[in-house]
Amino acid sequence: MTSTFTLDRGTAPLLISLPHDGSHIPEAIAARMHPLAQRAPDTDWHVGRLYEPLAKELGASVLRPQLSRYVIDLNRPADGHALYPGRKETGLVSTVGFDGEPIYLEGEEPTAEEIQRRVNECWRPYHQALSQELERLLAEHGRVVLWEGHSIRSRVPMLFEGQLPDLNMGTADGASCGPELQQRLQAVLESQSRYSHVVNGRFKGGYITRHYGRPGAHVQAVQLELAQLNYMDEDSFAYAPEKAATLQEVILQLLRQCV
């Protein structure tokens, strides 16, 4: 598995990481999956398309994987520990999707050796690139913000009850981000009325936000989980440009607070 990610280096003290943007599943792996899983339905569809023009405007770096989270989830710890102990969630190399249905055909689940191989070939290169880019920007600017861009279907009964708020910002309950930046970001969310929002609700930030956010060392990390119905059709996965453009205006305001 080569070329598992792309990194576009920018000039601003901002790195946008999109760890679930990839949807590619190698044929040898897809052949062992149920047909519905081969579509990679739990992809953070189109987040790269949402963020790319905003990153260019601000001069931000963008890190994007090519492989689906079904191959390996880059926002989970490499040892497979749960992010939300006691709650249902998908894992490092998940065997069930967000619908609770099995991903793999019976008897075709990845072995421990295969999982470790995926960690070595896919997970570690992404995190090495992420770490190095943060170090580069920190050395150049003396500070850096890591922005974790995510999205998910607005209703996923396995993970949460009812409909998810439109904008879900997470800072690991304030541990990954300084209070000043968090307050500025919350002010942006509160200044608009089009989208519902919550801070440190169901999504407090995944492994990347929690691991790399070190406010005391001038590295702040913030996760934004978008409800997909605000910029796409959740059934067909089709992008909705007009809806997306309206959402991008709010995201751009948030990102400006980071730079």
Protein backbone atom coordinates (compact mmCIF):
# COMPACT_ATOMS: atom_id res chain seq x y z
CA MET A 1 0.00 0.00 0.00
CA THR A 2 1.90 3.04 -1.27
CA SER A 3 0.83 6.69 -1.55
CA THR A 4 -1.61 6.37 1.32
CA PHE A 5 -1.96 10.14 1.89
CA THR A 6 -1.32 13.57 0.39
CA LEU A 7 0.12 16.60 2.16
CA ASP A 8 -0.20 20.10 0.74
CA ARG A 9 2.10 22.35 2.73
CA GLY A 10 0.93 25.87 3.49
CA THR A 11 2.44 28.99 5.02
CA ALA A 12 0.00 29.74 7.86
CA PRO A 13 0.25 28.26 11.38
CA LEU A 14 -2.67 25.95 10.62
CA LEU A 15 -2.76 22.27 9.66
CA ILE A 16 -6.09 20.82 8.53
CA SER A 17 -6.17 17.05 9.00
CA LEU A 18 -8.96 15.05 7.33
CA PRO A 19 -8.32 11.48 8.53
CA HIS A 20 -11.62 10.01 7.29
CA ASP A 21 -11.72 11.73 3.89
CA GLY A 22 -10.37 8.70 2.01
CA SER A 23 -12.74 6.13 0.51
CA HIS A 24 -10.43 3.77 -1.41
CA ILE A 25 -10.46 0.10 -0.40
CA PRO A 26 -7.84 -2.10 -2.12
CA GLU A 27 -9.40 -4.88 -4.19
CA ALA A 28 -7.88 -7.67 -2.09
CA ILE A 29 -9.57 -6.27 1.02
CA ALA A 30 -12.85 -5.29 -0.66
CA ALA A 31 -13.29 -8.84 -1.96
CA ARG A 32 -13.63 -10.02 1.64
CA MET A 33 -16.31 -7.46 2.51
CA HIS A 34 -20.07 -7.43 2.23
CA PRO A 35 -21.24 -5.54 -0.89
CA LEU A 36 -22.66 -2.61 1.08
CA ALA A 37 -19.42 -2.19 3.00
CA GLN A 38 -17.48 -2.00 -0.27
CA ARG A 39 -19.12 1.40 -0.83
CA ALA A 40 -17.37 2.69 2.32
CA PRO A 41 -20.60 4.33 3.52
CA ASP A 42 -19.06 5.69 6.74
CA THR A 43 -16.63 7.92 4.88
CA ASP A 44 -16.51 11.61 5.86
CA TRP A 45 -17.78 12.35 2.36
CA HIS A 46 -16.54 15.48 0.58
CA VAL A 47 -14.79 17.09 3.56
CA GLY A 48 -11.75 17.58 1.33
CA ARG A 49 -13.93 19.42 -1.17
CA LEU A 50 -15.34 21.56 1.62
CA TYR A 51 -11.98 22.50 3.11
CA GLU A 52 -9.70 22.76 0.06
CA PRO A 53 -10.73 26.27 -1.09
CA LEU A 54 -10.74 27.53 2.50
CA ALA A 55 -7.24 26.18 3.09
CA LYS A 56 -5.96 27.88 -0.06
CA GLU A 57 -7.49 31.20 1.00
CA LEU A 58 -5.86 31.02 4.42
CA GLY A 59 -2.57 29.40 3.41
CA ALA A 60 -3.20 26.34 5.59
CA SER A 61 -1.57 22.94 5.19
CA VAL A 62 -3.90 20.02 4.39
CA LEU A 63 -3.28 16.36 5.16
CA ARG A 64 -5.63 13.84 3.51
CA PRO A 65 -5.60 10.02 3.38
CA GLN A 66 -6.55 8.06 0.32
CA LEU A 67 -7.64 4.88 2.08
CA SER A 68 -11.00 4.30 3.73
CA ARG A 69 -11.36 4.16 7.49
CA TYR A 70 -12.51 0.56 6.85
CA VAL A 71 -8.89 -0.23 5.95
CA ILE A 72 -7.59 1.53 9.06
CA ASP A 73 -8.99 4.31 11.21
CA LEU A 74 -6.32 6.98 11.48
CA ASN A 75 -8.21 8.69 14.30
CA ARG A 76 -7.92 5.73 16.66
CA PRO A 77 -4.91 4.82 18.81
CA ALA A 78 -2.62 2.25 17.23
CA ASP A 79 -3.12 -0.09 20.19
CA GLY A 80 -6.86 -0.21 19.55
CA HIS A 81 -7.97 1.25 22.89
CA ALA A 82 -11.50 2.71 22.95
CA LEU A 83 -12.01 6.46 22.68
CA TYR A 84 -15.29 6.41 24.60
CA PRO A 85 -15.16 3.50 27.05
CA GLY A 86 -18.56 2.04 27.77
CA ARG A 87 -20.13 3.34 24.56
CA LYS A 88 -20.58 1.63 21.24
CA GLU A 89 -18.01 2.78 18.69
CA THR A 90 -16.02 1.55 15.73
CA GLY A 91 -12.38 0.63 16.20
CA LEU A 92 -8.91 0.82 14.71
CA VAL A 93 -9.77 -1.82 12.10
CA SER A 94 -13.47 -2.09 12.63
CA THR A 95 -15.47 -5.21 11.84
CA VAL A 96 -18.85 -3.41 12.04
CA GLY A 97 -20.10 -0.24 10.40
CA PHE A 98 -22.09 2.63 11.89
CA ASP A 99 -25.24 0.65 11.12
CA GLY A 100 -24.05 -2.14 13.41
CA GLU A 101 -23.82 -4.59 10.51
CA PRO A 102 -20.68 -6.67 9.83
CA ILE A 103 -18.19 -5.25 7.33
CA TYR A 104 -16.50 -8.55 6.46
CA LEU A 105 -17.88 -11.79 5.14
CA GLU A 106 -17.97 -14.57 7.72
CA GLY A 107 -14.46 -15.87 8.41
CA GLU A 108 -12.78 -13.05 6.45
CA GLU A 109 -12.11 -10.65 9.33
CA PRO A 110 -8.54 -9.31 9.56
CA THR A 111 -6.11 -11.23 11.74
CA ALA A 112 -3.95 -9.58 14.37
CA GLU A 113 -0.98 -9.85 11.99
CA GLU A 114 -2.91 -8.13 9.21
CA ILE A 115 -4.03 -5.34 11.51
CA GLN A 116 -0.44 -4.71 12.57
CA ARG A 117 0.62 -4.63 8.94
CA ARG A 118 -2.01 -2.00 8.20
CA VAL A 119 -0.79 0.01 11.17
CA ASN A 120 2.78 -0.09 9.89
CA GLU A 121 1.95 0.63 6.25
CA CYS A 122 -0.89 3.14 6.61
CA TRP A 123 -1.37 4.48 10.15
CA ARG A 124 2.25 5.24 11.01
CA PRO A 125 3.09 7.12 7.77
CA TYR A 126 0.07 9.40 8.21
CA HIS A 127 0.95 10.19 11.80
CA GLN A 128 4.59 10.70 10.97
CA ALA A 129 3.61 13.23 8.31
CA LEU A 130 1.22 14.92 10.74
CA SER A 131 3.88 15.17 13.45
CA GLN A 132 6.52 16.50 11.08
CA GLU A 133 4.22 19.14 9.60
CA LEU A 134 3.21 20.33 13.07
CA GLU A 135 6.89 20.55 14.00
CA ARG A 136 7.67 22.52 10.83
CA LEU A 137 4.89 25.04 11.39
CA LEU A 138 5.68 25.36 15.09
CA ALA A 139 9.34 26.06 14.32
CA GLU A 140 8.36 28.68 11.74
CA HIS A 141 5.60 30.46 13.66
CA GLY A 142 6.13 29.60 17.32
CA ARG A 143 2.57 28.31 17.48
CA VAL A 144 0.26 26.10 15.42
CA VAL A 145 -3.37 24.97 15.37
CA LEU A 146 -4.31 21.45 14.26
CA TRP A 147 -7.85 21.43 12.85
CA GLU A 148 -9.50 18.03 12.62
CA GLY A 149 -12.17 18.10 9.90
CA HIS A 150 -14.84 15.39 10.16
CA SER A 151 -18.42 14.67 9.12
CA ILE A 152 -21.02 12.01 9.79
CA ARG A 153 -24.63 11.18 8.97
CA SER A 154 -27.01 13.24 11.05
CA ARG A 155 -28.64 10.11 12.48
CA VAL A 156 -26.58 7.11 13.60
CA PRO A 157 -28.59 5.21 16.24
CA MET A 158 -25.64 3.00 17.17
CA LEU A 159 -23.61 6.03 18.26
CA PHE A 160 -26.11 8.60 19.52
CA GLU A 161 -29.84 9.16 20.05
CA GLY A 162 -31.89 11.37 17.76
CA GLN A 163 -30.37 13.83 15.34
CA LEU A 164 -26.87 15.19 15.80
CA PRO A 165 -26.40 18.96 16.04
CA ASP A 166 -25.19 20.53 12.79
CA LEU A 167 -21.80 21.64 14.13
CA ASN A 168 -20.05 19.60 16.82
CA MET A 169 -16.84 21.13 18.11
CA GLY A 170 -14.53 19.13 20.37
CA THR A 171 -11.48 20.14 22.37
CA ALA A 172 -11.26 17.12 24.70
CA ASP A 173 -13.16 19.15 27.31
CA GLY A 174 -10.65 21.96 26.95
CA ALA A 175 -7.52 19.82 27.26
CA SER A 176 -6.44 20.08 23.60
CA CYS A 177 -7.07 23.80 23.14
CA GLY A 178 -6.42 26.93 25.17
CA PRO A 179 -9.42 28.75 26.68
CA GLU A 180 -8.90 31.90 24.60
CA LEU A 181 -9.11 30.12 21.25
CA GLN A 182 -12.03 27.99 22.41
CA GLN A 183 -13.92 31.11 23.50
CA ARG A 184 -13.32 32.79 20.13
CA LEU A 185 -14.53 29.70 18.28
CA GLN A 186 -17.61 29.43 20.49
CA ALA A 187 -18.36 33.10 19.82
CA VAL A 188 -18.43 32.36 16.08
CA LEU A 189 -20.84 29.48 16.61
CA GLU A 190 -23.06 31.57 18.86
CA SER A 191 -23.10 34.53 16.47
CA GLN A 192 -24.97 32.56 13.81
CA SER A 193 -28.42 31.00 14.00
CA ARG A 194 -28.60 28.90 10.84
CA TYR A 195 -26.84 25.85 12.31
CA SER A 196 -27.34 24.17 15.66
CA HIS A 197 -24.12 23.54 17.54
CA VAL A 198 -22.57 21.98 20.61
CA VAL A 199 -19.11 22.09 22.17
CA ASN A 200 -17.66 18.92 23.70
CA GLY A 201 -20.89 17.01 23.32
CA ARG A 202 -21.01 13.50 21.86
CA PHE A 203 -17.83 14.20 19.88
CA LYS A 204 -15.15 15.63 22.14
CA GLY A 205 -12.30 14.96 19.72
CA GLY A 206 -10.77 11.69 18.63
CA TYR A 207 -7.30 10.30 19.11
CA ILE A 208 -5.59 12.91 16.94
CA THR A 209 -7.13 15.86 18.77
CA ARG A 210 -6.36 14.39 22.17
CA HIS A 211 -2.87 13.15 21.35
CA TYR A 212 -1.47 16.15 19.50
CA GLY A 213 -3.21 19.00 21.29
CA ARG A 214 -0.64 20.47 23.71
CA PRO A 215 -1.68 24.05 24.47
CA GLY A 216 1.18 24.48 26.91
CA ALA A 217 3.62 23.75 24.08
CA HIS A 218 1.79 26.11 21.68
CA VAL A 219 0.12 23.31 19.72
CA GLN A 220 -3.66 23.55 19.91
CA ALA A 221 -6.05 20.99 18.43
CA VAL A 222 -9.75 21.32 17.61
CA GLN A 223 -12.15 18.84 16.02
CA LEU A 224 -15.22 19.86 14.05
CA GLU A 225 -17.75 17.13 13.28
CA LEU A 226 -20.29 18.21 10.67
CA ALA A 227 -23.73 16.68 10.22
CA GLN A 228 -23.65 15.69 6.56
CA LEU A 229 -27.19 16.74 5.68
CA ASN A 230 -25.96 20.35 5.67
CA TYR A 231 -23.84 19.94 2.54
CA MET A 232 -24.79 16.65 0.82
CA ASP A 233 -27.48 14.04 0.34
CA GLU A 234 -26.93 11.42 3.01
CA ASP A 235 -28.50 8.60 0.98
CA SER A 236 -26.81 9.04 -2.40
CA PHE A 237 -23.65 10.73 -1.02
CA ALA A 238 -24.16 13.46 -3.67
CA TYR A 239 -22.55 16.82 -2.94
CA ALA A 240 -24.92 19.80 -2.67
CA PRO A 241 -22.88 22.83 -3.80
CA GLU A 242 -25.31 25.56 -2.73
CA LYS A 243 -25.78 24.13 0.75
CA ALA A 244 -22.05 23.53 1.02
CA ALA A 245 -21.22 27.13 0.11
CA THR A 246 -23.36 28.41 2.98
CA LEU A 247 -21.71 26.02 5.41
CA GLN A 248 -18.25 26.97 4.16
CA GLU A 249 -18.87 30.57 5.21
CA VAL A 250 -19.18 29.49 8.84
CA ILE A 251 -16.22 27.11 8.65
CA LEU A 252 -14.09 29.89 7.18
CA GLN A 253 -14.97 32.17 10.09
CA LEU A 254 -13.88 29.45 12.50
CA LEU A 255 -10.61 28.82 10.70
CA ARG A 256 -9.80 32.53 10.64
CA GLN A 257 -9.84 32.50 14.44
CA CYS A 258 -7.06 29.92 14.28
CA VAL A 259 -4.67 31.94 12.11
